[in-house]
Amino acid sequence: MRKPNTLAYVGVLLVGAALVWALFVVLPGLYPEDRPVESPVSAAPETATRKITAHLFFVAEDGLTLESVEQDVVYGEGTIEQAEHLVEAQLSPAPPPLTSAIPPGTRLHRVFVSERGEAFVDLSTEVRSAHPGGSLNELFTVYSIVNALTVNLPAITAVQILIDGVEVDSLSGHVDLRRPLQQNDRLVNQAVDDRP
């Protein structure tokens, strides 16, 4: 008579063990923990979402001047990072009906800024190899970058363009790039008088 009781006890113990196992091992895995879930937006650094309003320069619809356009640009910590964001924005497509003065495919390698406030903008070779040529087009290309930096960043007084880290004479034979150039409002159909 004891055998059936022993088997019953063993059966109850096995069922109890299975229930405990289910309650503490299986069921918690089926439900997410009560932890707040971080969304990708909140996990991103704050600077990725901050913006500044900047003046960028694109070729006017008539093709004869540069036009200053206010656009939101990613905020950067410090002059160099902000300068890089400004140049990258300047390399982006222009808002219609304006056109970009920068040859397609041009990429920014890096921006350096000297203690005297001279910025050195290192661009990829496409700025020269894909350039359409002509003195006006070259002026537009050069001064869209020079003006974007000098108008928006008071710490930058002049800009020199480098290609693949090397100083060049010009892009297509018209504008001397062997020295840093200062802001030129004469090419802009409505000069920007005050810096942000």
C-alpha atoms as a PDB file:
ATOM      1  CA  MET A   1       0.000   0.000   0.000  1.00  0.00           C
ATOM      2  CA  ARG A   2       2.871   2.291   0.490  1.00  0.00           C
ATOM      3  CA  LYS A   3       3.934   2.010  -3.117  1.00  0.00           C
ATOM      4  CA  PRO A   4       0.954   3.914  -4.547  1.00  0.00           C
ATOM      5  CA  ASN A   5       1.465   6.697  -1.963  1.00  0.00           C
ATOM      6  CA  THR A   6       5.135   7.002  -2.844  1.00  0.00           C
ATOM      7  CA  LEU A   7       4.271   7.195  -6.523  1.00  0.00           C
ATOM      8  CA  ALA A   8       1.635   9.819  -5.768  1.00  0.00           C
ATOM      9  CA  TYR A   9       4.126  11.887  -3.782  1.00  0.00           C
ATOM     10  CA  VAL A  10       6.696  11.621  -6.549  1.00  0.00           C
ATOM     11  CA  GLY A  11       4.042  12.619  -9.093  1.00  0.00           C
ATOM     12  CA  VAL A  12       2.976  15.629  -6.996  1.00  0.00           C
ATOM     13  CA  LEU A  13       6.616  16.641  -6.554  1.00  0.00           C
ATOM     14  CA  LEU A  14       7.244  16.406 -10.307  1.00  0.00           C
ATOM     15  CA  VAL A  15       4.147  18.434 -11.113  1.00  0.00           C
ATOM     16  CA  GLY A  16       5.132  21.006  -8.472  1.00  0.00           C
ATOM     17  CA  ALA A  17       8.667  21.214  -9.829  1.00  0.00           C
ATOM     18  CA  ALA A  18       7.291  21.652 -13.347  1.00  0.00           C
ATOM     19  CA  LEU A  19       5.015  24.470 -12.160  1.00  0.00           C
ATOM     20  CA  VAL A  20       7.847  26.224 -10.322  1.00  0.00           C
ATOM     21  CA  TRP A  21      10.045  25.853 -13.403  1.00  0.00           C
ATOM     22  CA  ALA A  22       7.283  27.255 -15.623  1.00  0.00           C
ATOM     23  CA  LEU A  23       6.595  30.182 -13.264  1.00  0.00           C
ATOM     24  CA  PHE A  24      10.199  31.234 -12.767  1.00  0.00           C
ATOM     25  CA  VAL A  25      11.920  30.172 -15.999  1.00  0.00           C
ATOM     26  CA  VAL A  26       9.476  29.901 -18.906  1.00  0.00           C
ATOM     27  CA  LEU A  27       6.915  32.646 -18.185  1.00  0.00           C
ATOM     28  CA  PRO A  28       9.388  35.519 -17.506  1.00  0.00           C
ATOM     29  CA  GLY A  29      10.980  34.861 -20.890  1.00  0.00           C
ATOM     30  CA  LEU A  30       7.620  35.318 -22.601  1.00  0.00           C
ATOM     31  CA  TYR A  31       7.090  38.858 -21.264  1.00  0.00           C
ATOM     32  CA  PRO A  32       9.462  41.799 -21.572  1.00  0.00           C
ATOM     33  CA  GLU A  33      11.021  43.105 -18.397  1.00  0.00           C
ATOM     34  CA  ASP A  34       9.597  46.276 -16.890  1.00  0.00           C
ATOM     35  CA  ARG A  35      12.458  48.405 -18.187  1.00  0.00           C
ATOM     36  CA  PRO A  36      12.003  51.610 -20.149  1.00  0.00           C
ATOM     37  CA  VAL A  37      12.904  51.036 -23.762  1.00  0.00           C
ATOM     38  CA  GLU A  38      15.272  53.611 -25.227  1.00  0.00           C
ATOM     39  CA  SER A  39      14.227  54.803 -28.629  1.00  0.00           C
ATOM     40  CA  PRO A  40      16.978  55.391 -31.214  1.00  0.00           C
ATOM     41  CA  VAL A  41      16.155  59.114 -31.199  1.00  0.00           C
ATOM     42  CA  SER A  42      16.625  59.543 -27.455  1.00  0.00           C
ATOM     43  CA  ALA A  43      19.811  57.477 -27.524  1.00  0.00           C
ATOM     44  CA  ALA A  44      21.365  59.708 -30.202  1.00  0.00           C
ATOM     45  CA  PRO A  45      23.633  62.506 -29.054  1.00  0.00           C
ATOM     46  CA  GLU A  46      21.898  65.839 -28.551  1.00  0.00           C
ATOM     47  CA  THR A  47      24.170  67.585 -31.063  1.00  0.00           C
ATOM     48  CA  ALA A  48      22.855  65.355 -33.883  1.00  0.00           C
ATOM     49  CA  THR A  49      19.436  66.991 -33.651  1.00  0.00           C
ATOM     50  CA  ARG A  50      20.454  70.579 -32.882  1.00  0.00           C
ATOM     51  CA  LYS A  51      20.502  72.990 -35.809  1.00  0.00           C
ATOM     52  CA  ILE A  52      21.602  76.522 -36.547  1.00  0.00           C
ATOM     53  CA  THR A  53      20.291  78.846 -39.228  1.00  0.00           C
ATOM     54  CA  ALA A  54      23.075  79.658 -41.664  1.00  0.00           C
ATOM     55  CA  HIS A  55      23.569  81.563 -44.902  1.00  0.00           C
ATOM     56  CA  LEU A  56      24.526  79.268 -47.802  1.00  0.00           C
ATOM     57  CA  PHE A  57      25.379  80.456 -51.295  1.00  0.00           C
ATOM     58  CA  PHE A  58      24.000  79.044 -54.545  1.00  0.00           C
ATOM     59  CA  VAL A  59      23.972  80.192 -58.166  1.00  0.00           C
ATOM     60  CA  ALA A  60      20.957  82.418 -58.832  1.00  0.00           C
ATOM     61  CA  GLU A  61      18.345  81.468 -61.408  1.00  0.00           C
ATOM     62  CA  ASP A  62      19.810  83.940 -63.925  1.00  0.00           C
ATOM     63  CA  GLY A  63      23.244  82.265 -63.597  1.00  0.00           C
ATOM     64  CA  LEU A  64      24.965  85.624 -63.107  1.00  0.00           C
ATOM     65  CA  THR A  65      25.245  85.941 -59.317  1.00  0.00           C
ATOM     66  CA  LEU A  66      25.313  83.968 -56.095  1.00  0.00           C
ATOM     67  CA  GLU A  67      22.231  84.086 -53.920  1.00  0.00           C
ATOM     68  CA  SER A  68      22.328  83.857 -50.137  1.00  0.00           C
ATOM     69  CA  VAL A  69      19.802  81.371 -48.772  1.00  0.00           C
ATOM     70  CA  GLU A  70      19.023  80.756 -45.106  1.00  0.00           C
ATOM     71  CA  GLN A  71      19.035  77.054 -44.290  1.00  0.00           C
ATOM     72  CA  ASP A  72      19.152  74.901 -41.194  1.00  0.00           C
ATOM     73  CA  VAL A  73      22.564  73.293 -40.715  1.00  0.00           C
ATOM     74  CA  VAL A  74      23.584  70.713 -38.114  1.00  0.00           C
ATOM     75  CA  TYR A  75      25.073  72.323 -35.021  1.00  0.00           C
ATOM     76  CA  GLY A  76      28.750  71.609 -34.357  1.00  0.00           C
ATOM     77  CA  GLU A  77      30.781  71.950 -31.174  1.00  0.00           C
ATOM     78  CA  GLY A  78      33.537  74.448 -31.858  1.00  0.00           C
ATOM     79  CA  THR A  79      34.641  76.291 -34.981  1.00  0.00           C
ATOM     80  CA  ILE A  80      36.145  73.342 -36.862  1.00  0.00           C
ATOM     81  CA  GLU A  81      33.172  71.008 -36.423  1.00  0.00           C
ATOM     82  CA  GLN A  82      30.726  73.792 -37.327  1.00  0.00           C
ATOM     83  CA  ALA A  83      32.830  74.684 -40.373  1.00  0.00           C
ATOM     84  CA  GLU A  84      32.705  71.060 -41.531  1.00  0.00           C
ATOM     85  CA  HIS A  85      28.904  70.988 -41.189  1.00  0.00           C
ATOM     86  CA  LEU A  86      28.649  74.255 -43.145  1.00  0.00           C
ATOM     87  CA  VAL A  87      30.842  72.987 -45.989  1.00  0.00           C
ATOM     88  CA  GLU A  88      28.918  69.702 -46.151  1.00  0.00           C
ATOM     89  CA  ALA A  89      25.661  71.669 -46.350  1.00  0.00           C
ATOM     90  CA  GLN A  90      27.184  73.851 -49.079  1.00  0.00           C
ATOM     91  CA  LEU A  91      28.126  70.691 -51.031  1.00  0.00           C
ATOM     92  CA  SER A  92      24.515  69.454 -50.889  1.00  0.00           C
ATOM     93  CA  PRO A  93      22.071  70.061 -53.747  1.00  0.00           C
ATOM     94  CA  ALA A  94      20.691  73.589 -54.011  1.00  0.00           C
ATOM     95  CA  PRO A  95      17.033  74.387 -53.359  1.00  0.00           C
ATOM     96  CA  PRO A  96      15.224  74.914 -56.691  1.00  0.00           C
ATOM     97  CA  PRO A  97      15.308  77.019 -58.802  1.00  0.00           C
ATOM     98  CA  LEU A  98      18.889  77.728 -57.670  1.00  0.00           C
ATOM     99  CA  THR A  99      21.839  75.510 -58.615  1.00  0.00           C
ATOM    100  CA  SER A 100      24.929  74.439 -56.737  1.00  0.00           C
ATOM    101  CA  ALA A 101      28.233  76.043 -57.684  1.00  0.00           C
ATOM    102  CA  ILE A 102      30.085  72.935 -56.477  1.00  0.00           C
ATOM    103  CA  PRO A 103      30.771  70.177 -59.038  1.00  0.00           C
ATOM    104  CA  PRO A 104      28.775  66.986 -58.377  1.00  0.00           C
ATOM    105  CA  GLY A 105      30.582  64.273 -56.465  1.00  0.00           C
ATOM    106  CA  THR A 106      32.780  66.723 -54.540  1.00  0.00           C
ATOM    107  CA  ARG A 107      33.374  65.526 -50.979  1.00  0.00           C
ATOM    108  CA  LEU A 108      34.836  67.199 -47.928  1.00  0.00           C
ATOM    109  CA  HIS A 109      37.908  65.512 -46.451  1.00  0.00           C
ATOM    110  CA  ARG A 110      38.557  67.897 -43.583  1.00  0.00           C
ATOM    111  CA  VAL A 111      38.678  71.506 -42.384  1.00  0.00           C
ATOM    112  CA  PHE A 112      41.650  72.986 -40.523  1.00  0.00           C
ATOM    113  CA  VAL A 113      41.640  76.413 -38.862  1.00  0.00           C
ATOM    114  CA  SER A 114      44.815  78.313 -37.980  1.00  0.00           C
ATOM    115  CA  GLU A 115      45.305  80.519 -34.922  1.00  0.00           C
ATOM    116  CA  ARG A 116      44.920  83.534 -37.231  1.00  0.00           C
ATOM    117  CA  GLY A 117      41.419  82.408 -38.220  1.00  0.00           C
ATOM    118  CA  GLU A 118      42.360  81.104 -41.669  1.00  0.00           C
ATOM    119  CA  ALA A 119      40.407  78.011 -42.637  1.00  0.00           C
ATOM    120  CA  PHE A 120      41.830  75.353 -44.948  1.00  0.00           C
ATOM    121  CA  VAL A 121      39.095  73.353 -46.658  1.00  0.00           C
ATOM    122  CA  ASP A 122      40.354  70.038 -48.038  1.00  0.00           C
ATOM    123  CA  LEU A 123      38.060  68.829 -50.851  1.00  0.00           C
ATOM    124  CA  SER A 124      38.130  65.740 -53.055  1.00  0.00           C
ATOM    125  CA  THR A 125      39.541  65.898 -56.580  1.00  0.00           C
ATOM    126  CA  GLU A 126      36.072  66.158 -58.167  1.00  0.00           C
ATOM    127  CA  VAL A 127      35.994  69.861 -57.313  1.00  0.00           C
ATOM    128  CA  ARG A 128      38.578  70.243 -60.075  1.00  0.00           C
ATOM    129  CA  SER A 129      38.092  67.235 -62.371  1.00  0.00           C
ATOM    130  CA  ALA A 130      34.297  67.726 -62.673  1.00  0.00           C
ATOM    131  CA  HIS A 131      34.455  71.530 -62.815  1.00  0.00           C
ATOM    132  CA  PRO A 132      32.752  73.019 -65.914  1.00  0.00           C
ATOM    133  CA  GLY A 133      35.442  75.699 -66.267  1.00  0.00           C
ATOM    134  CA  GLY A 134      35.045  79.392 -67.013  1.00  0.00           C
ATOM    135  CA  SER A 135      36.001  82.288 -64.807  1.00  0.00           C
ATOM    136  CA  LEU A 136      32.490  83.005 -63.492  1.00  0.00           C
ATOM    137  CA  ASN A 137      31.839  79.360 -62.625  1.00  0.00           C
ATOM    138  CA  GLU A 138      35.169  79.171 -60.833  1.00  0.00           C
ATOM    139  CA  LEU A 139      34.436  82.352 -58.874  1.00  0.00           C
ATOM    140  CA  PHE A 140      31.054  80.924 -57.849  1.00  0.00           C
ATOM    141  CA  THR A 141      32.585  77.618 -56.704  1.00  0.00           C
ATOM    142  CA  VAL A 142      35.327  79.244 -54.674  1.00  0.00           C
ATOM    143  CA  TYR A 143      33.269  82.009 -53.092  1.00  0.00           C
ATOM    144  CA  SER A 144      30.255  79.863 -52.251  1.00  0.00           C
ATOM    145  CA  ILE A 145      32.613  78.047 -49.846  1.00  0.00           C
ATOM    146  CA  VAL A 146      34.610  81.116 -48.745  1.00  0.00           C
ATOM    147  CA  ASN A 147      31.461  83.152 -48.062  1.00  0.00           C
ATOM    148  CA  ALA A 148      29.631  80.296 -46.302  1.00  0.00           C
ATOM    149  CA  LEU A 149      32.427  80.048 -43.749  1.00  0.00           C
ATOM    150  CA  THR A 150      33.314  83.721 -43.308  1.00  0.00           C
ATOM    151  CA  VAL A 151      29.687  84.936 -43.107  1.00  0.00           C
ATOM    152  CA  ASN A 152      28.546  82.286 -40.625  1.00  0.00           C
ATOM    153  CA  LEU A 153      31.640  81.938 -38.442  1.00  0.00           C
ATOM    154  CA  PRO A 154      33.153  85.181 -37.136  1.00  0.00           C
ATOM    155  CA  ALA A 155      36.233  83.210 -35.997  1.00  0.00           C
ATOM    156  CA  ILE A 156      37.085  82.498 -39.666  1.00  0.00           C
ATOM    157  CA  THR A 157      38.572  85.471 -41.510  1.00  0.00           C
ATOM    158  CA  ALA A 158      39.730  83.812 -44.751  1.00  0.00           C
ATOM    159  CA  VAL A 159      39.538  80.450 -46.528  1.00  0.00           C
ATOM    160  CA  GLN A 160      41.969  78.487 -48.679  1.00  0.00           C
ATOM    161  CA  ILE A 161      40.804  75.512 -50.731  1.00  0.00           C
ATOM    162  CA  LEU A 162      43.016  72.419 -50.895  1.00  0.00           C
ATOM    163  CA  ILE A 163      42.494  69.361 -53.097  1.00  0.00           C
ATOM    164  CA  ASP A 164      43.265  65.975 -51.546  1.00  0.00           C
ATOM    165  CA  GLY A 165      45.374  67.728 -48.916  1.00  0.00           C
ATOM    166  CA  VAL A 166      47.519  69.615 -51.426  1.00  0.00           C
ATOM    167  CA  GLU A 167      47.698  73.346 -52.187  1.00  0.00           C
ATOM    168  CA  VAL A 168      46.689  74.090 -55.798  1.00  0.00           C
ATOM    169  CA  ASP A 169      47.110  77.119 -58.053  1.00  0.00           C
ATOM    170  CA  SER A 170      43.432  77.203 -59.121  1.00  0.00           C
ATOM    171  CA  LEU A 171      40.464  75.026 -60.025  1.00  0.00           C
ATOM    172  CA  SER A 172      40.421  75.851 -63.741  1.00  0.00           C
ATOM    173  CA  GLY A 173      42.971  78.608 -64.227  1.00  0.00           C
ATOM    174  CA  HIS A 174      41.117  81.746 -63.077  1.00  0.00           C
ATOM    175  CA  VAL A 175      41.099  82.137 -59.277  1.00  0.00           C
ATOM    176  CA  ASP A 176      44.401  82.078 -57.386  1.00  0.00           C
ATOM    177  CA  LEU A 177      44.032  79.506 -54.604  1.00  0.00           C
ATOM    178  CA  ARG A 178      47.619  79.699 -53.312  1.00  0.00           C
ATOM    179  CA  ARG A 179      46.526  81.868 -50.378  1.00  0.00           C
ATOM    180  CA  PRO A 180      43.477  82.221 -48.120  1.00  0.00           C
ATOM    181  CA  LEU A 181      40.706  84.368 -49.622  1.00  0.00           C
ATOM    182  CA  GLN A 182      38.423  86.763 -47.762  1.00  0.00           C
ATOM    183  CA  GLN A 183      34.655  87.136 -48.087  1.00  0.00           C
ATOM    184  CA  ASN A 184      33.479  88.565 -51.409  1.00  0.00           C
ATOM    185  CA  ASP A 185      29.994  90.113 -51.411  1.00  0.00           C
ATOM    186  CA  ARG A 186      30.296  91.555 -54.917  1.00  0.00           C
ATOM    187  CA  LEU A 187      29.258  88.207 -56.395  1.00  0.00           C
ATOM    188  CA  VAL A 188      26.153  87.996 -54.206  1.00  0.00           C
ATOM    189  CA  ASN A 189      22.973  89.568 -55.566  1.00  0.00           C
ATOM    190  CA  GLN A 190      22.031  90.683 -52.060  1.00  0.00           C
ATOM    191  CA  ALA A 191      25.074  91.026 -49.826  1.00  0.00           C
ATOM    192  CA  VAL A 192      24.854  89.639 -46.340  1.00  0.00           C
ATOM    193  CA  ASP A 193      25.670  92.563 -44.056  1.00  0.00           C
ATOM    194  CA  ASP A 194      25.480  91.092 -40.596  1.00  0.00           C
ATOM    195  CA  ARG A 195      26.794  87.794 -39.349  1.00  0.00           C
ATOM    196  CA  PRO A 196      24.549  85.551 -37.260  1.00  0.00           C
END
